[in-house]
């Protein structure tokens, strides 16, 4: 059995990057072994498109630290929506449309202090408001070092990226246009994927 269904597979990196950047809270799956239980956690990450790498940090208490140098999977859940036959004429049964991106790669620790600061700056550049961004330079050096000691910094060089974009592709163009029109008002983040 092939899953996801071939018509739902999205392989355009630009579309996949867009989901990762709009919905950066990754669900990280770390597969355990006989001695280490599997671990799932949710961590915000920033993407470097040029190197196909995601960057993040976690508290030192997070069990993800036990999976350094292991393969991990990061799942990014984009928008989703329930669709009812009462809402859309061309749908015979209720359905759920959604956008997700699955990535795999090696979890690597960033231990060098200067690299940790660069990682933090990369994350800030991704999330801070462009008009008046909070500056890492506003934090005294002693406090920065304490912060870095309290966190683990990591990167994952992405080996695979796969999108599962279930967008009623099995429906005709007229029905899909009707769905997009409905979602413009009720779920604009989702409607943009029906183009």
N, C-alpha and C. Protein backbone atom coordinates (compact mmCIF):
# COMPACT_ATOMS: atom_id res chain seq x y z
N UNK A 1 0.84 -1.18 0.00
CA UNK A 1 0.00 0.00 0.00
C UNK A 1 0.89 1.24 0.00
N UNK A 2 0.60 2.15 -0.88
CA UNK A 2 1.36 3.40 -0.93
C UNK A 2 0.62 4.47 -0.14
N UNK A 3 1.30 5.02 0.82
CA UNK A 3 0.72 6.10 1.62
C UNK A 3 1.81 7.10 1.95
N UNK A 4 1.59 8.38 1.84
CA UNK A 4 0.31 8.95 1.48
C UNK A 4 -0.08 8.67 0.03
N UNK A 5 -1.37 8.85 -0.23
CA UNK A 5 -1.90 8.65 -1.57
C UNK A 5 -1.13 9.55 -2.53
N UNK A 6 -0.76 9.00 -3.66
CA UNK A 6 0.12 9.70 -4.61
C UNK A 6 -0.40 11.09 -4.97
N UNK A 7 -1.71 11.24 -5.14
CA UNK A 7 -2.25 12.55 -5.53
C UNK A 7 -2.13 13.59 -4.42
N UNK A 8 -1.87 13.15 -3.18
CA UNK A 8 -1.73 14.08 -2.06
C UNK A 8 -0.27 14.44 -1.78
N UNK A 9 0.65 13.73 -2.40
CA UNK A 9 2.07 13.97 -2.13
C UNK A 9 2.50 15.30 -2.75
N UNK A 10 3.11 16.14 -1.93
CA UNK A 10 3.67 17.41 -2.39
C UNK A 10 5.18 17.32 -2.26
N UNK A 11 5.88 17.52 -3.37
CA UNK A 11 7.34 17.40 -3.34
C UNK A 11 8.05 18.70 -3.71
N UNK A 12 7.29 19.75 -3.98
CA UNK A 12 7.89 21.04 -4.31
C UNK A 12 8.48 21.66 -3.04
N UNK A 13 9.81 21.79 -3.00
CA UNK A 13 10.47 22.30 -1.80
C UNK A 13 9.95 23.67 -1.38
N UNK A 14 9.65 24.53 -2.34
CA UNK A 14 9.16 25.88 -2.00
C UNK A 14 7.85 25.78 -1.19
N UNK A 15 6.95 24.90 -1.62
CA UNK A 15 5.69 24.72 -0.90
C UNK A 15 5.93 24.11 0.49
N UNK A 16 6.87 23.17 0.56
CA UNK A 16 7.18 22.52 1.84
C UNK A 16 7.85 23.51 2.80
N UNK A 17 8.78 24.30 2.29
CA UNK A 17 9.44 25.32 3.12
C UNK A 17 8.41 26.31 3.67
N UNK A 18 7.46 26.68 2.83
CA UNK A 18 6.42 27.62 3.23
C UNK A 18 5.65 27.10 4.45
N UNK A 19 5.30 25.82 4.44
CA UNK A 19 4.59 25.23 5.58
C UNK A 19 5.47 25.26 6.83
N UNK A 20 6.73 24.86 6.69
CA UNK A 20 7.64 24.84 7.84
C UNK A 20 7.79 26.24 8.44
N UNK A 21 7.90 27.25 7.59
CA UNK A 21 8.09 28.62 8.09
C UNK A 21 6.81 29.22 8.65
N UNK A 22 5.66 28.86 8.13
CA UNK A 22 4.39 29.38 8.65
C UNK A 22 3.93 28.65 9.91
N UNK A 23 4.32 27.40 10.03
CA UNK A 23 3.89 26.55 11.16
C UNK A 23 5.12 25.88 11.77
N UNK A 24 5.99 26.66 12.43
CA UNK A 24 7.31 26.16 12.83
C UNK A 24 7.36 25.31 14.10
N UNK A 25 6.22 25.03 14.70
CA UNK A 25 6.24 24.19 15.90
C UNK A 25 6.30 22.73 15.45
N UNK A 26 7.49 22.17 15.50
CA UNK A 26 7.72 20.80 15.02
C UNK A 26 7.34 19.79 16.09
N UNK A 27 6.71 18.72 15.66
CA UNK A 27 6.55 17.55 16.51
C UNK A 27 7.73 16.66 16.19
N UNK A 28 8.62 16.50 17.15
CA UNK A 28 9.86 15.75 16.96
C UNK A 28 9.67 14.32 17.49
N UNK A 29 9.89 13.35 16.61
CA UNK A 29 9.80 11.94 16.96
C UNK A 29 11.21 11.36 17.05
N UNK A 30 11.55 10.88 18.22
CA UNK A 30 12.87 10.29 18.45
C UNK A 30 12.65 8.82 18.79
N UNK A 31 13.13 7.94 17.93
CA UNK A 31 12.92 6.51 18.12
C UNK A 31 13.92 5.95 19.12
N UNK A 32 13.39 5.25 20.10
CA UNK A 32 14.22 4.71 21.16
C UNK A 32 14.88 3.38 20.81
N UNK A 33 15.45 2.79 21.83
CA UNK A 33 16.13 1.50 21.69
C UNK A 33 15.76 0.65 22.90
N UNK A 34 16.47 -0.45 23.09
CA UNK A 34 16.22 -1.31 24.25
C UNK A 34 16.48 -0.57 25.57
N UNK A 35 17.41 0.37 25.54
CA UNK A 35 17.79 1.06 26.77
C UNK A 35 17.20 2.47 26.89
N UNK A 36 16.74 3.04 25.78
CA UNK A 36 16.21 4.40 25.79
C UNK A 36 14.80 4.40 25.21
N UNK A 37 13.79 4.83 26.00
CA UNK A 37 12.44 4.86 25.44
C UNK A 37 12.31 5.93 24.36
N UNK A 38 11.40 5.70 23.43
CA UNK A 38 11.13 6.70 22.39
C UNK A 38 10.65 7.99 23.05
N UNK A 39 10.80 9.09 22.33
CA UNK A 39 10.43 10.40 22.88
C UNK A 39 9.77 11.23 21.79
N UNK A 40 8.71 11.92 22.15
CA UNK A 40 8.04 12.86 21.27
C UNK A 40 7.98 14.19 22.00
N UNK A 41 8.37 15.26 21.32
CA UNK A 41 8.26 16.59 21.92
C UNK A 41 7.91 17.61 20.85
N UNK A 42 7.49 18.77 21.29
CA UNK A 42 7.09 19.84 20.39
C UNK A 42 8.04 21.01 20.61
N UNK A 43 8.75 21.38 19.55
CA UNK A 43 9.74 22.44 19.67
C UNK A 43 9.66 23.38 18.46
N UNK A 44 9.71 24.70 18.70
CA UNK A 44 9.77 25.62 17.57
C UNK A 44 11.15 25.56 16.94
N UNK A 45 11.19 25.57 15.63
CA UNK A 45 12.46 25.53 14.91
C UNK A 45 12.45 26.59 13.81
N UNK A 46 13.64 26.98 13.38
CA UNK A 46 13.77 27.88 12.24
C UNK A 46 14.47 27.11 11.12
N UNK A 47 14.12 27.43 9.91
CA UNK A 47 14.63 26.73 8.73
C UNK A 47 15.64 27.58 7.99
N UNK A 48 16.75 26.99 7.62
CA UNK A 48 17.69 27.60 6.68
C UNK A 48 17.48 26.88 5.35
N UNK A 49 16.84 27.56 4.42
CA UNK A 49 16.53 26.95 3.12
C UNK A 49 17.79 26.56 2.36
N UNK A 50 18.83 27.40 2.45
CA UNK A 50 20.06 27.16 1.68
C UNK A 50 20.74 25.84 2.05
N UNK A 51 20.72 25.50 3.32
CA UNK A 51 21.42 24.29 3.76
C UNK A 51 20.46 23.14 4.11
N UNK A 52 19.16 23.36 3.92
CA UNK A 52 18.14 22.36 4.28
C UNK A 52 18.32 21.90 5.72
N UNK A 53 18.43 22.88 6.63
CA UNK A 53 18.69 22.59 8.04
C UNK A 53 17.68 23.32 8.91
N UNK A 54 17.17 22.62 9.93
CA UNK A 54 16.34 23.29 10.93
C UNK A 54 17.16 23.43 12.21
N UNK A 55 16.94 24.56 12.89
CA UNK A 55 17.67 24.89 14.12
C UNK A 55 16.68 25.08 15.26
N UNK A 56 17.07 24.66 16.45
CA UNK A 56 16.22 24.86 17.60
C UNK A 56 16.99 24.72 18.90
N UNK A 57 16.26 24.85 19.98
CA UNK A 57 16.85 24.63 21.29
C UNK A 57 15.77 24.08 22.22
N UNK A 58 16.21 23.47 23.30
CA UNK A 58 15.31 22.91 24.30
C UNK A 58 15.97 23.03 25.66
N UNK A 59 15.18 22.90 26.70
CA UNK A 59 15.75 22.91 28.04
C UNK A 59 16.60 21.66 28.23
N UNK A 60 17.56 21.76 29.09
CA UNK A 60 18.45 20.61 29.36
C UNK A 60 17.69 19.41 29.92
N UNK A 61 16.51 19.65 30.48
CA UNK A 61 15.71 18.55 31.03
C UNK A 61 15.00 17.76 29.94
N UNK A 62 14.90 18.30 28.74
CA UNK A 62 14.18 17.63 27.66
C UNK A 62 14.90 16.34 27.25
N UNK A 63 14.20 15.22 27.24
CA UNK A 63 14.84 13.94 26.87
C UNK A 63 15.38 13.89 25.44
N UNK A 64 15.09 14.89 24.63
CA UNK A 64 15.65 14.90 23.27
C UNK A 64 17.18 14.86 23.31
N UNK A 65 17.74 15.31 24.43
CA UNK A 65 19.21 15.31 24.56
C UNK A 65 19.80 13.90 24.44
N UNK A 66 18.99 12.88 24.71
CA UNK A 66 19.47 11.50 24.62
C UNK A 66 19.52 10.98 23.18
N UNK A 67 19.04 11.80 22.25
CA UNK A 67 18.95 11.35 20.85
C UNK A 67 19.92 12.10 19.94
N UNK A 68 20.87 12.84 20.54
CA UNK A 68 21.91 13.49 19.74
C UNK A 68 22.64 12.40 18.95
N UNK A 69 22.93 12.70 17.71
CA UNK A 69 23.57 11.76 16.77
C UNK A 69 22.65 10.61 16.36
N UNK A 70 21.34 10.82 16.52
CA UNK A 70 20.36 9.83 16.08
C UNK A 70 19.48 10.44 14.99
N UNK A 71 18.90 9.58 14.20
CA UNK A 71 17.95 10.03 13.19
C UNK A 71 16.63 10.38 13.88
N UNK A 72 16.05 11.51 13.50
CA UNK A 72 14.78 11.96 14.07
C UNK A 72 13.83 12.31 12.93
N UNK A 73 12.56 12.38 13.25
CA UNK A 73 11.56 12.85 12.30
C UNK A 73 10.90 14.08 12.88
N UNK A 74 10.74 15.10 12.05
CA UNK A 74 10.04 16.32 12.45
C UNK A 74 8.80 16.44 11.58
N UNK A 75 7.66 16.63 12.22
CA UNK A 75 6.39 16.78 11.51
C UNK A 75 5.87 18.18 11.76
N UNK A 76 5.50 18.85 10.67
CA UNK A 76 4.94 20.19 10.74
C UNK A 76 3.49 20.10 10.29
N UNK A 77 2.60 20.48 11.18
CA UNK A 77 1.17 20.41 10.89
C UNK A 77 0.71 21.79 10.46
N UNK A 78 0.36 21.89 9.19
CA UNK A 78 -0.16 23.13 8.66
C UNK A 78 -1.64 23.27 8.97
N UNK A 79 -2.35 24.05 8.17
CA UNK A 79 -3.78 24.24 8.42
C UNK A 79 -4.57 22.98 8.07
N UNK A 80 -5.76 22.88 8.63
CA UNK A 80 -6.65 21.77 8.31
C UNK A 80 -8.09 22.26 8.43
N UNK A 81 -9.02 21.47 7.90
CA UNK A 81 -10.42 21.89 7.94
C UNK A 81 -11.35 20.71 7.76
N UNK A 82 -12.47 20.77 8.41
CA UNK A 82 -13.57 19.82 8.21
C UNK A 82 -14.45 20.37 7.11
N UNK A 83 -14.88 19.51 6.19
CA UNK A 83 -15.78 19.91 5.11
C UNK A 83 -17.03 19.04 5.14
N UNK A 84 -18.18 19.68 5.15
CA UNK A 84 -19.47 18.99 5.21
C UNK A 84 -20.18 19.07 3.87
N UNK A 85 -20.95 18.03 3.51
CA UNK A 85 -21.77 18.10 2.30
C UNK A 85 -22.79 19.24 2.36
N UNK A 86 -23.13 19.69 3.57
CA UNK A 86 -24.05 20.83 3.71
C UNK A 86 -23.38 22.14 3.31
N UNK A 87 -22.04 22.17 3.37
CA UNK A 87 -21.30 23.38 3.02
C UNK A 87 -20.92 23.43 1.55
N UNK A 88 -20.61 22.26 1.00
CA UNK A 88 -20.06 22.18 -0.35
C UNK A 88 -20.90 21.19 -1.16
N UNK A 89 -21.51 21.68 -2.20
CA UNK A 89 -22.43 20.87 -3.01
C UNK A 89 -21.77 19.64 -3.63
N UNK A 90 -20.53 19.75 -4.05
CA UNK A 90 -19.86 18.66 -4.75
C UNK A 90 -19.30 17.56 -3.86
N UNK A 91 -19.53 17.65 -2.55
CA UNK A 91 -19.03 16.64 -1.62
C UNK A 91 -20.20 15.77 -1.16
N UNK A 92 -20.06 14.46 -1.31
CA UNK A 92 -21.14 13.52 -0.95
C UNK A 92 -21.07 13.08 0.52
N UNK A 93 -19.85 13.02 1.07
CA UNK A 93 -19.63 12.60 2.45
C UNK A 93 -18.73 13.60 3.15
N UNK A 94 -18.85 13.73 4.48
CA UNK A 94 -17.93 14.63 5.20
C UNK A 94 -16.48 14.19 4.99
N UNK A 95 -15.59 15.15 5.01
CA UNK A 95 -14.17 14.85 4.84
C UNK A 95 -13.33 15.85 5.62
N UNK A 96 -12.06 15.56 5.74
CA UNK A 96 -11.12 16.46 6.42
C UNK A 96 -9.95 16.69 5.48
N UNK A 97 -9.68 17.94 5.16
CA UNK A 97 -8.52 18.28 4.34
C UNK A 97 -7.44 18.85 5.26
N UNK A 98 -6.19 18.64 4.87
CA UNK A 98 -5.09 19.07 5.74
C UNK A 98 -3.80 19.20 4.94
N UNK A 99 -2.84 19.87 5.58
CA UNK A 99 -1.51 20.07 5.02
C UNK A 99 -0.49 19.69 6.10
N UNK A 100 0.40 18.74 5.79
CA UNK A 100 1.47 18.38 6.71
C UNK A 100 2.77 18.21 5.94
N UNK A 101 3.88 18.37 6.65
CA UNK A 101 5.21 18.12 6.09
C UNK A 101 5.96 17.22 7.06
N UNK A 102 6.54 16.15 6.53
CA UNK A 102 7.35 15.22 7.32
C UNK A 102 8.79 15.32 6.85
N UNK A 103 9.72 15.46 7.79
CA UNK A 103 11.15 15.57 7.48
C UNK A 103 11.92 14.57 8.34
N UNK A 104 13.02 14.08 7.80
CA UNK A 104 13.91 13.24 8.59
C UNK A 104 15.33 13.76 8.46
N UNK A 105 16.12 13.49 9.48
CA UNK A 105 17.52 13.89 9.45
C UNK A 105 18.21 13.52 10.75
N UNK A 106 19.49 13.80 10.81
CA UNK A 106 20.31 13.49 11.98
C UNK A 106 20.28 14.66 12.96
N UNK A 107 19.95 14.38 14.21
CA UNK A 107 19.94 15.39 15.26
C UNK A 107 21.37 15.62 15.73
N UNK A 108 21.84 16.85 15.59
CA UNK A 108 23.21 17.19 15.98
C UNK A 108 23.19 18.28 17.04
N UNK A 109 24.07 18.15 18.01
CA UNK A 109 24.20 19.13 19.08
C UNK A 109 25.08 20.29 18.62
N UNK A 110 24.73 21.49 19.06
CA UNK A 110 25.56 22.67 18.81
C UNK A 110 26.13 23.06 20.17
N UNK A 111 27.41 22.79 20.37
CA UNK A 111 28.03 22.97 21.69
C UNK A 111 28.88 24.24 21.81
N UNK A 112 29.37 24.76 20.70
CA UNK A 112 30.21 25.95 20.71
C UNK A 112 29.36 27.18 21.05
N UNK A 113 29.82 27.97 22.02
CA UNK A 113 29.06 29.14 22.48
C UNK A 113 28.75 30.11 21.35
N UNK A 114 29.73 30.43 20.52
CA UNK A 114 29.49 31.37 19.41
C UNK A 114 28.46 30.81 18.43
N UNK A 115 28.52 29.50 18.17
CA UNK A 115 27.54 28.87 17.28
C UNK A 115 26.15 28.85 17.92
N UNK A 116 26.11 28.72 19.24
CA UNK A 116 24.82 28.78 19.94
C UNK A 116 24.19 30.16 19.78
N UNK A 117 25.01 31.20 19.90
CA UNK A 117 24.50 32.56 19.71
C UNK A 117 24.02 32.77 18.28
N UNK A 118 24.76 32.24 17.31
CA UNK A 118 24.32 32.34 15.91
C UNK A 118 23.01 31.60 15.70
N UNK A 119 22.87 30.46 16.35
CA UNK A 119 21.62 29.70 16.26
C UNK A 119 20.47 30.49 16.85
N UNK A 120 20.70 31.07 18.02
CA UNK A 120 19.66 31.88 18.65
C UNK A 120 19.28 33.07 17.76
N UNK A 121 20.28 33.69 17.14
CA UNK A 121 20.00 34.82 16.26
C UNK A 121 19.21 34.36 15.03
N UNK A 122 19.52 33.19 14.50
CA UNK A 122 18.77 32.63 13.36
C UNK A 122 17.30 32.43 13.73
N UNK A 123 17.08 31.91 14.93
CA UNK A 123 15.72 31.70 15.42
C UNK A 123 15.00 33.03 15.59
N UNK A 124 15.69 34.00 16.19
CA UNK A 124 15.08 35.33 16.36
C UNK A 124 14.75 35.97 15.02
N UNK A 125 15.65 35.84 14.06
CA UNK A 125 15.39 36.42 12.73
C UNK A 125 14.14 35.82 12.11
N UNK A 126 13.87 34.56 12.40
CA UNK A 126 12.69 33.90 11.84
C UNK A 126 11.40 34.34 12.51
N UNK A 127 11.45 34.66 13.80
CA UNK A 127 10.22 34.88 14.56
C UNK A 127 9.95 36.31 15.01
N UNK A 128 10.96 37.13 15.12
CA UNK A 128 10.76 38.49 15.62
C UNK A 128 10.10 39.37 14.55
N UNK A 129 9.37 40.36 15.00
CA UNK A 129 8.74 41.34 14.12
C UNK A 129 9.82 42.16 13.44
N UNK A 130 9.74 42.28 12.13
CA UNK A 130 10.76 43.03 11.36
C UNK A 130 10.82 44.51 11.74
N UNK A 131 9.69 45.08 12.16
CA UNK A 131 9.64 46.52 12.44
C UNK A 131 10.39 46.91 13.70
N UNK A 132 10.28 46.10 14.73
CA UNK A 132 10.92 46.42 16.00
C UNK A 132 11.36 45.14 16.68
N UNK A 133 12.36 44.44 16.12
CA UNK A 133 12.75 43.15 16.67
C UNK A 133 13.47 43.27 18.01
N UNK A 134 13.21 42.30 18.87
CA UNK A 134 13.97 42.19 20.10
C UNK A 134 15.38 41.80 19.73
N UNK A 135 16.36 42.38 20.41
CA UNK A 135 17.76 42.17 20.06
C UNK A 135 18.46 41.29 21.09
N UNK A 136 19.12 40.27 20.62
CA UNK A 136 19.93 39.42 21.49
C UNK A 136 21.03 40.25 22.16
N UNK A 137 21.48 41.27 21.48
CA UNK A 137 22.54 42.13 22.01
C UNK A 137 22.08 42.93 23.24
N UNK A 138 20.77 42.94 23.51
CA UNK A 138 20.27 43.67 24.68
C UNK A 138 20.48 42.88 25.98
N UNK A 139 20.92 41.64 25.87
CA UNK A 139 21.12 40.79 27.04
C UNK A 139 22.59 40.85 27.45
N UNK A 140 22.88 41.10 28.73
CA UNK A 140 24.28 41.12 29.18
C UNK A 140 24.96 39.76 28.94
N UNK A 141 26.25 39.81 28.68
CA UNK A 141 27.04 38.61 28.35
C UNK A 141 26.89 37.51 29.41
N UNK A 142 26.93 37.88 30.67
CA UNK A 142 26.83 36.90 31.75
C UNK A 142 25.49 36.16 31.68
N UNK A 143 24.43 36.90 31.41
CA UNK A 143 23.10 36.31 31.31
C UNK A 143 22.98 35.42 30.06
N UNK A 144 23.61 35.85 28.95
CA UNK A 144 23.62 35.03 27.73
C UNK A 144 24.30 33.69 27.98
N UNK A 145 25.42 33.72 28.66
CA UNK A 145 26.15 32.47 28.95
C UNK A 145 25.31 31.56 29.85
N UNK A 146 24.63 32.15 30.83
CA UNK A 146 23.77 31.35 31.71
C UNK A 146 22.62 30.73 30.91
N UNK A 147 22.05 31.51 29.98
CA UNK A 147 20.97 31.00 29.14
C UNK A 147 21.46 29.83 28.30
N UNK A 148 22.61 30.00 27.67
CA UNK A 148 23.15 28.93 26.81
C UNK A 148 23.47 27.67 27.62
N UNK A 149 23.91 27.85 28.87
CA UNK A 149 24.20 26.69 29.72
C UNK A 149 22.93 25.96 30.14
N UNK A 150 21.80 26.67 30.15
CA UNK A 150 20.53 26.08 30.57
C UNK A 150 19.81 25.37 29.42
N UNK A 151 20.31 25.55 28.20
CA UNK A 151 19.64 25.00 27.02
C UNK A 151 20.54 24.03 26.27
N UNK A 152 19.91 23.18 25.48
CA UNK A 152 20.66 22.42 24.48
C UNK A 152 20.27 22.98 23.12
N UNK A 153 21.25 23.24 22.31
CA UNK A 153 21.01 23.76 20.96
C UNK A 153 21.22 22.62 19.98
N UNK A 154 20.40 22.59 18.95
CA UNK A 154 20.51 21.50 17.99
C UNK A 154 20.23 21.97 16.57
N UNK A 155 20.65 21.12 15.64
CA UNK A 155 20.30 21.31 14.24
C UNK A 155 20.00 19.94 13.66
N UNK A 156 19.18 19.95 12.62
CA UNK A 156 18.87 18.72 11.89
C UNK A 156 19.02 19.04 10.41
N UNK A 157 20.02 18.44 9.79
CA UNK A 157 20.19 18.54 8.33
C UNK A 157 19.16 17.60 7.73
N UNK A 158 18.23 18.16 6.95
CA UNK A 158 17.10 17.38 6.45
C UNK A 158 17.52 16.49 5.29
N UNK A 159 17.36 15.19 5.48
CA UNK A 159 17.65 14.22 4.42
C UNK A 159 16.44 14.01 3.52
N UNK A 160 15.25 14.02 4.12
CA UNK A 160 14.02 13.85 3.34
C UNK A 160 13.00 14.90 3.76
N UNK A 161 12.21 15.34 2.80
CA UNK A 161 11.07 16.23 3.03
C UNK A 161 9.93 15.70 2.18
N UNK A 162 8.79 15.46 2.80
CA UNK A 162 7.62 14.97 2.07
C UNK A 162 6.40 15.71 2.57
N UNK A 163 5.62 16.22 1.64
CA UNK A 163 4.38 16.87 2.00
C UNK A 163 3.20 15.94 1.76
N UNK A 164 2.25 15.98 2.68
CA UNK A 164 0.99 15.27 2.52
C UNK A 164 -0.08 16.35 2.52
N UNK A 165 -0.47 16.80 1.32
CA UNK A 165 -1.42 17.89 1.15
C UNK A 165 -2.74 17.28 0.65
N UNK A 166 -3.63 16.93 1.56
CA UNK A 166 -4.94 16.39 1.18
C UNK A 166 -5.87 17.57 1.00
N UNK A 167 -6.14 17.90 -0.25
CA UNK A 167 -6.89 19.11 -0.59
C UNK A 167 -8.04 18.81 -1.54
N UNK A 168 -8.74 17.72 -1.29
CA UNK A 168 -9.87 17.30 -2.14
C UNK A 168 -9.49 17.20 -3.61
N UNK A 169 -8.27 16.70 -3.86
CA UNK A 169 -7.80 16.55 -5.24
C UNK A 169 -8.66 15.56 -6.03
N UNK A 170 -9.42 14.72 -5.34
CA UNK A 170 -10.29 13.76 -6.02
C UNK A 170 -11.61 14.39 -6.47
N UNK A 171 -11.78 15.67 -6.22
CA UNK A 171 -12.98 16.40 -6.64
C UNK A 171 -12.67 17.22 -7.89
N UNK A 172 -13.71 17.60 -8.59
CA UNK A 172 -13.56 18.39 -9.81
C UNK A 172 -13.14 19.82 -9.51
N UNK A 173 -12.72 20.52 -10.55
CA UNK A 173 -12.25 21.90 -10.41
C UNK A 173 -13.33 22.81 -9.83
N UNK A 174 -14.57 22.60 -10.22
CA UNK A 174 -15.66 23.44 -9.73
C UNK A 174 -15.87 23.26 -8.22
N UNK A 175 -15.82 22.02 -7.77
CA UNK A 175 -15.97 21.74 -6.33
C UNK A 175 -14.80 22.30 -5.54
N UNK A 176 -13.60 22.14 -6.07
CA UNK A 176 -12.42 22.68 -5.38
C UNK A 176 -12.48 24.21 -5.30
N UNK A 177 -12.98 24.84 -6.35
CA UNK A 177 -13.14 26.30 -6.33
C UNK A 177 -14.18 26.71 -5.28
N UNK A 178 -15.24 25.91 -5.15
CA UNK A 178 -16.26 26.17 -4.14
C UNK A 178 -15.67 26.04 -2.73
N UNK A 179 -14.84 25.03 -2.53
CA UNK A 179 -14.17 24.84 -1.23
C UNK A 179 -13.26 26.04 -0.93
N UNK A 180 -12.46 26.43 -1.91
CA UNK A 180 -11.55 27.56 -1.71
C UNK A 180 -12.32 28.83 -1.38
N UNK A 181 -13.44 29.04 -2.06
CA UNK A 181 -14.27 30.22 -1.81
C UNK A 181 -14.85 30.19 -0.39
N UNK A 182 -15.34 29.03 0.03
CA UNK A 182 -15.87 28.88 1.39
C UNK A 182 -14.78 29.18 2.42
N UNK A 183 -13.60 28.64 2.19
CA UNK A 183 -12.51 28.78 3.16
C UNK A 183 -11.91 30.18 3.19
N UNK A 184 -12.10 30.96 2.13
CA UNK A 184 -11.62 32.35 2.14
C UNK A 184 -12.18 33.10 3.34
N UNK A 185 -13.42 32.76 3.72
CA UNK A 185 -14.08 33.43 4.84
C UNK A 185 -13.88 32.70 6.16
N UNK A 186 -13.84 31.36 6.12
CA UNK A 186 -13.82 30.60 7.37
C UNK A 186 -12.43 30.13 7.79
N UNK A 187 -11.53 29.95 6.83
CA UNK A 187 -10.19 29.43 7.15
C UNK A 187 -9.21 29.91 6.07
N UNK A 188 -8.90 31.21 6.06
CA UNK A 188 -8.06 31.75 4.98
C UNK A 188 -6.68 31.11 4.89
N UNK A 189 -6.13 30.66 6.02
CA UNK A 189 -4.81 29.99 5.95
C UNK A 189 -4.89 28.72 5.12
N UNK A 190 -6.04 28.06 5.17
CA UNK A 190 -6.22 26.82 4.41
C UNK A 190 -6.57 27.11 2.95
N UNK A 191 -7.35 28.13 2.71
CA UNK A 191 -7.84 28.40 1.34
C UNK A 191 -6.70 28.65 0.36
N UNK A 192 -5.60 29.20 0.83
CA UNK A 192 -4.49 29.54 -0.07
C UNK A 192 -3.87 28.31 -0.72
N UNK A 193 -4.10 27.11 -0.15
CA UNK A 193 -3.49 25.90 -0.70
C UNK A 193 -4.30 25.27 -1.83
N UNK A 194 -5.47 25.83 -2.13
CA UNK A 194 -6.31 25.24 -3.18
C UNK A 194 -6.04 25.83 -4.56
N UNK A 195 -5.09 26.72 -4.68
CA UNK A 195 -4.78 27.32 -6.00
C UNK A 195 -4.19 26.31 -6.94
